[in-house]
Amino acid sequence: MTNQNVPAGEQQNTEPSALNLPNILTTLRIVLVPFFVWFLILDAEQRGPWRWWALAVFAVAMYTDKLDGDIARARGLITNFGKVADPIADKLLTGAALIMLSITNDLWWWVTIVILVREWGITLMRFMMLNRAVMPANKGGKLKTVLQTVGIAILLLPISHDLSWLWWIGTIIMLIAMAITVVTGIDYVRQAIKISKDQTDDHRPAN
């Protein structure tokens, strides 16, 4: 029933509670990161069953990324917390995966460094922009996430990368993902500059 004491426009603009299923799934994704890392540490020498467990945890965690977004959009549960926490959860998981793959010599360190510098740099910038505007993920960012996910999943397979065509496929996908990561990072910077400029112009006194 409509609250007669609250204007209709304000009711429509009320944000859903942050304590909802999509945000719980996002939090679960963060909780899974230490388990993922631990399984890779256990399997550092043998590339056996623990590696499969790590891949399974990674797959489940990344599925929650799609699931929480679908539920949030379908049920109108998109919140500012989710817009910020969701990319952080993604970056924690993919960042841990990239670092661990470089430690196990499955991915070149320079690829990991370029991606992580962009990811955490843009995340920090988005935090700094919160007092001006919330910057949701763009379409290029979503494509980047898909490519990173596929590339990481392939490289997580318990295979030897010596003369392995599958390793090269995973590596090429990661190189493409890295290129898109850099391009979308530049786009975020342009967005931030435009937002800052527009708000500065809005507050500039008229002549």
C-alpha atoms as a PDB file:
ATOM      1  CA  MET A   1       0.000   0.000   0.000  1.00  0.00           C
ATOM      2  CA  THR A   2       1.330   3.435  -0.920  1.00  0.00           C
ATOM      3  CA  ASN A   3       2.494   5.568   1.979  1.00  0.00           C
ATOM      4  CA  GLN A   4       0.416   8.744   1.765  1.00  0.00           C
ATOM      5  CA  ASN A   5       3.049  10.741   3.658  1.00  0.00           C
ATOM      6  CA  VAL A   6       5.748  10.174   1.036  1.00  0.00           C
ATOM      7  CA  PRO A   7       5.583  11.809  -2.411  1.00  0.00           C
ATOM      8  CA  ALA A   8       5.294   9.305  -5.261  1.00  0.00           C
ATOM      9  CA  GLY A   9       8.500  10.543  -6.894  1.00  0.00           C
ATOM     10  CA  GLU A  10      10.488   9.883  -3.734  1.00  0.00           C
ATOM     11  CA  GLN A  11       9.027   6.378  -3.427  1.00  0.00           C
ATOM     12  CA  GLN A  12      10.169   5.512  -6.929  1.00  0.00           C
ATOM     13  CA  ASN A  13      13.681   6.748  -6.233  1.00  0.00           C
ATOM     14  CA  THR A  14      14.078   4.808  -2.981  1.00  0.00           C
ATOM     15  CA  GLU A  15      16.977   2.374  -3.271  1.00  0.00           C
ATOM     16  CA  PRO A  16      16.359  -1.276  -2.282  1.00  0.00           C
ATOM     17  CA  SER A  17      17.950  -2.565   0.909  1.00  0.00           C
ATOM     18  CA  ALA A  18      21.603  -3.554   0.545  1.00  0.00           C
ATOM     19  CA  LEU A  19      20.789  -6.765   2.436  1.00  0.00           C
ATOM     20  CA  ASN A  20      19.446  -8.733  -0.523  1.00  0.00           C
ATOM     21  CA  LEU A  21      20.219 -11.952  -2.413  1.00  0.00           C
ATOM     22  CA  PRO A  22      22.430 -10.435  -5.145  1.00  0.00           C
ATOM     23  CA  ASN A  23      24.630  -8.712  -2.553  1.00  0.00           C
ATOM     24  CA  ILE A  24      24.797 -11.917  -0.493  1.00  0.00           C
ATOM     25  CA  LEU A  25      26.032 -13.769  -3.601  1.00  0.00           C
ATOM     26  CA  THR A  26      28.602 -11.037  -4.163  1.00  0.00           C
ATOM     27  CA  THR A  27      29.815 -11.458  -0.579  1.00  0.00           C
ATOM     28  CA  LEU A  28      29.967 -15.241  -1.070  1.00  0.00           C
ATOM     29  CA  ARG A  29      32.250 -14.675  -4.057  1.00  0.00           C
ATOM     30  CA  ILE A  30      34.646 -12.754  -1.820  1.00  0.00           C
ATOM     31  CA  VAL A  31      34.541 -15.509   0.822  1.00  0.00           C
ATOM     32  CA  LEU A  32      35.471 -18.137  -1.790  1.00  0.00           C
ATOM     33  CA  VAL A  33      38.728 -16.373  -2.743  1.00  0.00           C
ATOM     34  CA  PRO A  34      40.862 -17.734   0.167  1.00  0.00           C
ATOM     35  CA  PHE A  35      39.669 -21.297  -0.574  1.00  0.00           C
ATOM     36  CA  PHE A  36      40.588 -20.876  -4.234  1.00  0.00           C
ATOM     37  CA  VAL A  37      44.083 -19.657  -3.350  1.00  0.00           C
ATOM     38  CA  TRP A  38      44.594 -22.420  -0.775  1.00  0.00           C
ATOM     39  CA  PHE A  39      43.721 -25.156  -3.277  1.00  0.00           C
ATOM     40  CA  LEU A  40      46.280 -23.769  -5.721  1.00  0.00           C
ATOM     41  CA  ILE A  41      48.922 -23.638  -2.992  1.00  0.00           C
ATOM     42  CA  LEU A  42      48.240 -27.275  -2.120  1.00  0.00           C
ATOM     43  CA  ASP A  43      48.570 -28.220  -5.775  1.00  0.00           C
ATOM     44  CA  ALA A  44      51.640 -26.090  -6.533  1.00  0.00           C
ATOM     45  CA  GLU A  45      53.885 -29.095  -7.117  1.00  0.00           C
ATOM     46  CA  GLN A  46      51.752 -31.850  -8.616  1.00  0.00           C
ATOM     47  CA  ARG A  47      48.989 -30.331 -10.799  1.00  0.00           C
ATOM     48  CA  GLY A  48      46.525 -32.942  -9.657  1.00  0.00           C
ATOM     49  CA  PRO A  49      43.192 -33.089  -7.830  1.00  0.00           C
ATOM     50  CA  TRP A  50      43.643 -29.844  -5.858  1.00  0.00           C
ATOM     51  CA  ARG A  51      43.964 -27.985  -9.145  1.00  0.00           C
ATOM     52  CA  TRP A  52      40.569 -29.307 -10.189  1.00  0.00           C
ATOM     53  CA  TRP A  53      39.123 -28.114  -6.878  1.00  0.00           C
ATOM     54  CA  ALA A  54      40.570 -24.664  -7.508  1.00  0.00           C
ATOM     55  CA  LEU A  55      38.997 -24.622 -10.976  1.00  0.00           C
ATOM     56  CA  ALA A  56      35.654 -25.728  -9.520  1.00  0.00           C
ATOM     57  CA  VAL A  57      35.701 -22.947  -6.909  1.00  0.00           C
ATOM     58  CA  PHE A  58      36.637 -20.415  -9.586  1.00  0.00           C
ATOM     59  CA  ALA A  59      33.764 -21.588 -11.806  1.00  0.00           C
ATOM     60  CA  VAL A  60      31.225 -21.420  -8.967  1.00  0.00           C
ATOM     61  CA  ALA A  61      32.440 -17.981  -7.906  1.00  0.00           C
ATOM     62  CA  MET A  62      32.237 -16.596 -11.436  1.00  0.00           C
ATOM     63  CA  TYR A  63      28.777 -18.097 -11.908  1.00  0.00           C
ATOM     64  CA  THR A  64      27.582 -16.143  -8.869  1.00  0.00           C
ATOM     65  CA  ASP A  65      28.786 -13.026 -10.710  1.00  0.00           C
ATOM     66  CA  LYS A  66      26.306 -13.692 -13.522  1.00  0.00           C
ATOM     67  CA  LEU A  67      23.592 -14.905 -11.165  1.00  0.00           C
ATOM     68  CA  ASP A  68      23.662 -11.894  -8.835  1.00  0.00           C
ATOM     69  CA  GLY A  69      23.470  -9.518 -11.799  1.00  0.00           C
ATOM     70  CA  ASP A  70      20.547 -11.370 -13.370  1.00  0.00           C
ATOM     71  CA  ILE A  71      18.624 -11.446 -10.079  1.00  0.00           C
ATOM     72  CA  ALA A  72      19.344  -7.788  -9.309  1.00  0.00           C
ATOM     73  CA  ARG A  73      18.063  -6.642 -12.691  1.00  0.00           C
ATOM     74  CA  ALA A  74      15.039  -8.962 -12.739  1.00  0.00           C
ATOM     75  CA  ARG A  75      13.874  -8.046  -9.223  1.00  0.00           C
ATOM     76  CA  GLY A  76      14.889  -4.401  -9.202  1.00  0.00           C
ATOM     77  CA  LEU A  77      17.513  -4.985  -6.493  1.00  0.00           C
ATOM     78  CA  ILE A  78      20.325  -2.904  -7.957  1.00  0.00           C
ATOM     79  CA  THR A  79      22.004  -0.914  -5.166  1.00  0.00           C
ATOM     80  CA  ASN A  80      24.996   1.396  -4.906  1.00  0.00           C
ATOM     81  CA  PHE A  81      26.589  -1.206  -2.611  1.00  0.00           C
ATOM     82  CA  GLY A  82      26.227  -3.824  -5.331  1.00  0.00           C
ATOM     83  CA  LYS A  83      27.618  -1.525  -8.016  1.00  0.00           C
ATOM     84  CA  VAL A  84      30.763  -1.065  -5.938  1.00  0.00           C
ATOM     85  CA  ALA A  85      31.077  -4.466  -4.206  1.00  0.00           C
ATOM     86  CA  ASP A  86      30.473  -6.523  -7.354  1.00  0.00           C
ATOM     87  CA  PRO A  87      33.537  -5.279  -9.282  1.00  0.00           C
ATOM     88  CA  ILE A  88      35.627  -5.504  -6.100  1.00  0.00           C
ATOM     89  CA  ALA A  89      34.635  -9.163  -5.679  1.00  0.00           C
ATOM     90  CA  ASP A  90      35.542  -9.811  -9.319  1.00  0.00           C
ATOM     91  CA  LYS A  91      38.905  -8.149  -8.955  1.00  0.00           C
ATOM     92  CA  LEU A  92      39.752 -10.034  -5.774  1.00  0.00           C
ATOM     93  CA  LEU A  93      39.013 -13.352  -7.470  1.00  0.00           C
ATOM     94  CA  THR A  94      40.633 -12.628 -10.839  1.00  0.00           C
ATOM     95  CA  GLY A  95      43.544 -10.858  -9.156  1.00  0.00           C
ATOM     96  CA  ALA A  96      44.214 -13.867  -6.926  1.00  0.00           C
ATOM     97  CA  ALA A  97      43.945 -16.145  -9.965  1.00  0.00           C
ATOM     98  CA  LEU A  98      46.362 -14.068 -12.051  1.00  0.00           C
ATOM     99  CA  ILE A  99      48.939 -13.852  -9.270  1.00  0.00           C
ATOM    100  CA  MET A 100      48.743 -17.566  -8.517  1.00  0.00           C
ATOM    101  CA  LEU A 101      49.012 -18.465 -12.215  1.00  0.00           C
ATOM    102  CA  SER A 102      52.133 -16.300 -12.485  1.00  0.00           C
ATOM    103  CA  ILE A 103      53.603 -17.911  -9.367  1.00  0.00           C
ATOM    104  CA  THR A 104      53.043 -21.356 -10.909  1.00  0.00           C
ATOM    105  CA  ASN A 105      54.572 -20.141 -14.220  1.00  0.00           C
ATOM    106  CA  ASP A 106      51.314 -20.546 -16.134  1.00  0.00           C
ATOM    107  CA  LEU A 107      51.050 -16.854 -17.035  1.00  0.00           C
ATOM    108  CA  TRP A 108      53.714 -14.249 -17.731  1.00  0.00           C
ATOM    109  CA  TRP A 109      54.144 -11.818 -14.837  1.00  0.00           C
ATOM    110  CA  TRP A 110      54.047  -8.750 -17.095  1.00  0.00           C
ATOM    111  CA  VAL A 111      50.517  -9.684 -18.224  1.00  0.00           C
ATOM    112  CA  THR A 112      49.414 -10.027 -14.607  1.00  0.00           C
ATOM    113  CA  ILE A 113      51.018  -6.720 -13.627  1.00  0.00           C
ATOM    114  CA  VAL A 114      49.449  -4.741 -16.504  1.00  0.00           C
ATOM    115  CA  ILE A 115      45.979  -6.133 -15.754  1.00  0.00           C
ATOM    116  CA  LEU A 116      46.221  -5.641 -11.982  1.00  0.00           C
ATOM    117  CA  VAL A 117      47.555  -2.079 -12.225  1.00  0.00           C
ATOM    118  CA  ARG A 118      44.607  -1.164 -14.462  1.00  0.00           C
ATOM    119  CA  GLU A 119      42.004  -3.065 -12.409  1.00  0.00           C
ATOM    120  CA  TRP A 120      42.933  -1.696  -9.002  1.00  0.00           C
ATOM    121  CA  GLY A 121      43.750   1.739 -10.347  1.00  0.00           C
ATOM    122  CA  ILE A 122      40.278   2.068 -11.885  1.00  0.00           C
ATOM    123  CA  THR A 123      38.654   0.609  -8.757  1.00  0.00           C
ATOM    124  CA  LEU A 124      40.409   3.233  -6.625  1.00  0.00           C
ATOM    125  CA  MET A 125      39.313   5.956  -9.029  1.00  0.00           C
ATOM    126  CA  ARG A 126      35.688   4.755  -8.853  1.00  0.00           C
ATOM    127  CA  PHE A 127      35.860   4.930  -5.067  1.00  0.00           C
ATOM    128  CA  MET A 128      37.179   8.466  -5.267  1.00  0.00           C
ATOM    129  CA  MET A 129      34.311   9.356  -7.622  1.00  0.00           C
ATOM    130  CA  LEU A 130      31.602   8.081  -5.263  1.00  0.00           C
ATOM    131  CA  ASN A 131      30.921  11.552  -3.901  1.00  0.00           C
ATOM    132  CA  ARG A 132      30.252  12.703  -7.464  1.00  0.00           C
ATOM    133  CA  ALA A 133      28.639   9.692  -9.172  1.00  0.00           C
ATOM    134  CA  VAL A 134      28.558   5.885  -9.141  1.00  0.00           C
ATOM    135  CA  MET A 135      30.280   4.554 -12.260  1.00  0.00           C
ATOM    136  CA  PRO A 136      28.795   1.164 -13.236  1.00  0.00           C
ATOM    137  CA  ALA A 137      30.661  -1.330 -15.406  1.00  0.00           C
ATOM    138  CA  ASN A 138      30.528  -0.563 -19.122  1.00  0.00           C
ATOM    139  CA  LYS A 139      29.967  -3.063 -21.941  1.00  0.00           C
ATOM    140  CA  GLY A 140      33.657  -3.269 -22.742  1.00  0.00           C
ATOM    141  CA  GLY A 141      34.350  -4.034 -19.089  1.00  0.00           C
ATOM    142  CA  LYS A 142      31.905  -6.939 -19.225  1.00  0.00           C
ATOM    143  CA  LEU A 143      33.591  -8.346 -22.347  1.00  0.00           C
ATOM    144  CA  LYS A 144      36.940  -8.008 -20.614  1.00  0.00           C
ATOM    145  CA  THR A 145      35.608  -9.957 -17.629  1.00  0.00           C
ATOM    146  CA  VAL A 146      34.303 -12.751 -19.871  1.00  0.00           C
ATOM    147  CA  LEU A 147      37.636 -13.087 -21.687  1.00  0.00           C
ATOM    148  CA  GLN A 148      39.597 -13.028 -18.445  1.00  0.00           C
ATOM    149  CA  THR A 149      37.315 -15.713 -17.014  1.00  0.00           C
ATOM    150  CA  VAL A 150      37.702 -18.014 -20.029  1.00  0.00           C
ATOM    151  CA  GLY A 151      41.473 -17.490 -20.212  1.00  0.00           C
ATOM    152  CA  ILE A 152      41.990 -18.092 -16.500  1.00  0.00           C
ATOM    153  CA  ALA A 153      39.785 -21.202 -16.571  1.00  0.00           C
ATOM    154  CA  ILE A 154      41.864 -22.699 -19.380  1.00  0.00           C
ATOM    155  CA  LEU A 155      45.154 -21.895 -17.648  1.00  0.00           C
ATOM    156  CA  LEU A 156      43.849 -23.416 -14.425  1.00  0.00           C
ATOM    157  CA  LEU A 157      43.513 -26.810 -16.086  1.00  0.00           C
ATOM    158  CA  PRO A 158      46.098 -29.279 -14.718  1.00  0.00           C
ATOM    159  CA  ILE A 159      48.126 -29.371 -17.942  1.00  0.00           C
ATOM    160  CA  SER A 160      51.774 -28.848 -18.716  1.00  0.00           C
ATOM    161  CA  HIS A 161      52.318 -25.696 -20.763  1.00  0.00           C
ATOM    162  CA  ASP A 162      55.378 -27.139 -22.491  1.00  0.00           C
ATOM    163  CA  LEU A 163      54.352 -27.414 -26.165  1.00  0.00           C
ATOM    164  CA  SER A 164      50.674 -27.405 -25.122  1.00  0.00           C
ATOM    165  CA  TRP A 165      48.255 -25.911 -27.666  1.00  0.00           C
ATOM    166  CA  LEU A 166      45.658 -25.524 -24.946  1.00  0.00           C
ATOM    167  CA  TRP A 167      48.048 -23.402 -22.886  1.00  0.00           C
ATOM    168  CA  TRP A 168      48.690 -21.193 -25.903  1.00  0.00           C
ATOM    169  CA  ILE A 169      44.947 -20.730 -26.467  1.00  0.00           C
ATOM    170  CA  GLY A 170      44.523 -19.660 -22.851  1.00  0.00           C
ATOM    171  CA  THR A 171      47.512 -17.326 -23.112  1.00  0.00           C
ATOM    172  CA  ILE A 172      46.294 -15.701 -26.353  1.00  0.00           C
ATOM    173  CA  ILE A 173      42.864 -15.136 -24.790  1.00  0.00           C
ATOM    174  CA  MET A 174      44.553 -13.488 -21.801  1.00  0.00           C
ATOM    175  CA  LEU A 175      46.566 -11.209 -24.113  1.00  0.00           C
ATOM    176  CA  ILE A 176      43.349 -10.109 -25.859  1.00  0.00           C
ATOM    177  CA  ALA A 177      41.713  -9.609 -22.455  1.00  0.00           C
ATOM    178  CA  MET A 178      44.698  -7.511 -21.360  1.00  0.00           C
ATOM    179  CA  ALA A 179      44.344  -5.255 -24.423  1.00  0.00           C
ATOM    180  CA  ILE A 180      40.623  -4.732 -23.765  1.00  0.00           C
ATOM    181  CA  THR A 181      41.401  -4.175 -20.077  1.00  0.00           C
ATOM    182  CA  VAL A 182      43.717  -1.289 -20.973  1.00  0.00           C
ATOM    183  CA  VAL A 183      41.272   0.233 -23.490  1.00  0.00           C
ATOM    184  CA  THR A 184      38.314   0.100 -21.083  1.00  0.00           C
ATOM    185  CA  GLY A 185      40.514   1.562 -18.365  1.00  0.00           C
ATOM    186  CA  ILE A 186      41.185   4.579 -20.579  1.00  0.00           C
ATOM    187  CA  ASP A 187      37.429   4.869 -21.186  1.00  0.00           C
ATOM    188  CA  TYR A 188      36.753   4.953 -17.427  1.00  0.00           C
ATOM    189  CA  VAL A 189      39.288   7.752 -17.038  1.00  0.00           C
ATOM    190  CA  ARG A 190      37.543   9.708 -19.799  1.00  0.00           C
ATOM    191  CA  GLN A 191      34.187   9.186 -18.042  1.00  0.00           C
ATOM    192  CA  ALA A 192      35.616  10.440 -14.756  1.00  0.00           C
ATOM    193  CA  ILE A 193      37.083  13.533 -16.407  1.00  0.00           C
ATOM    194  CA  LYS A 194      33.764  14.276 -18.148  1.00  0.00           C
ATOM    195  CA  ILE A 195      31.757  13.849 -14.906  1.00  0.00           C
ATOM    196  CA  SER A 196      34.151  16.118 -13.019  1.00  0.00           C
ATOM    197  CA  LYS A 197      34.074  18.728 -15.789  1.00  0.00           C
ATOM    198  CA  ASP A 198      30.260  18.686 -16.060  1.00  0.00           C
ATOM    199  CA  GLN A 199      29.812  19.080 -12.301  1.00  0.00           C
ATOM    200  CA  THR A 200      32.376  21.879 -12.193  1.00  0.00           C
ATOM    201  CA  ASP A 201      30.481  23.682 -14.982  1.00  0.00           C
ATOM    202  CA  ASP A 202      27.184  23.200 -13.109  1.00  0.00           C
ATOM    203  CA  HIS A 203      28.582  24.895 -10.007  1.00  0.00           C
ATOM    204  CA  ARG A 204      30.291  27.706 -11.893  1.00  0.00           C
ATOM    205  CA  PRO A 205      28.472  31.014 -11.294  1.00  0.00           C
ATOM    206  CA  ALA A 206      26.716  32.454 -14.330  1.00  0.00           C
ATOM    207  CA  ASN A 207      28.142  35.647 -15.829  1.00  0.00           C
END
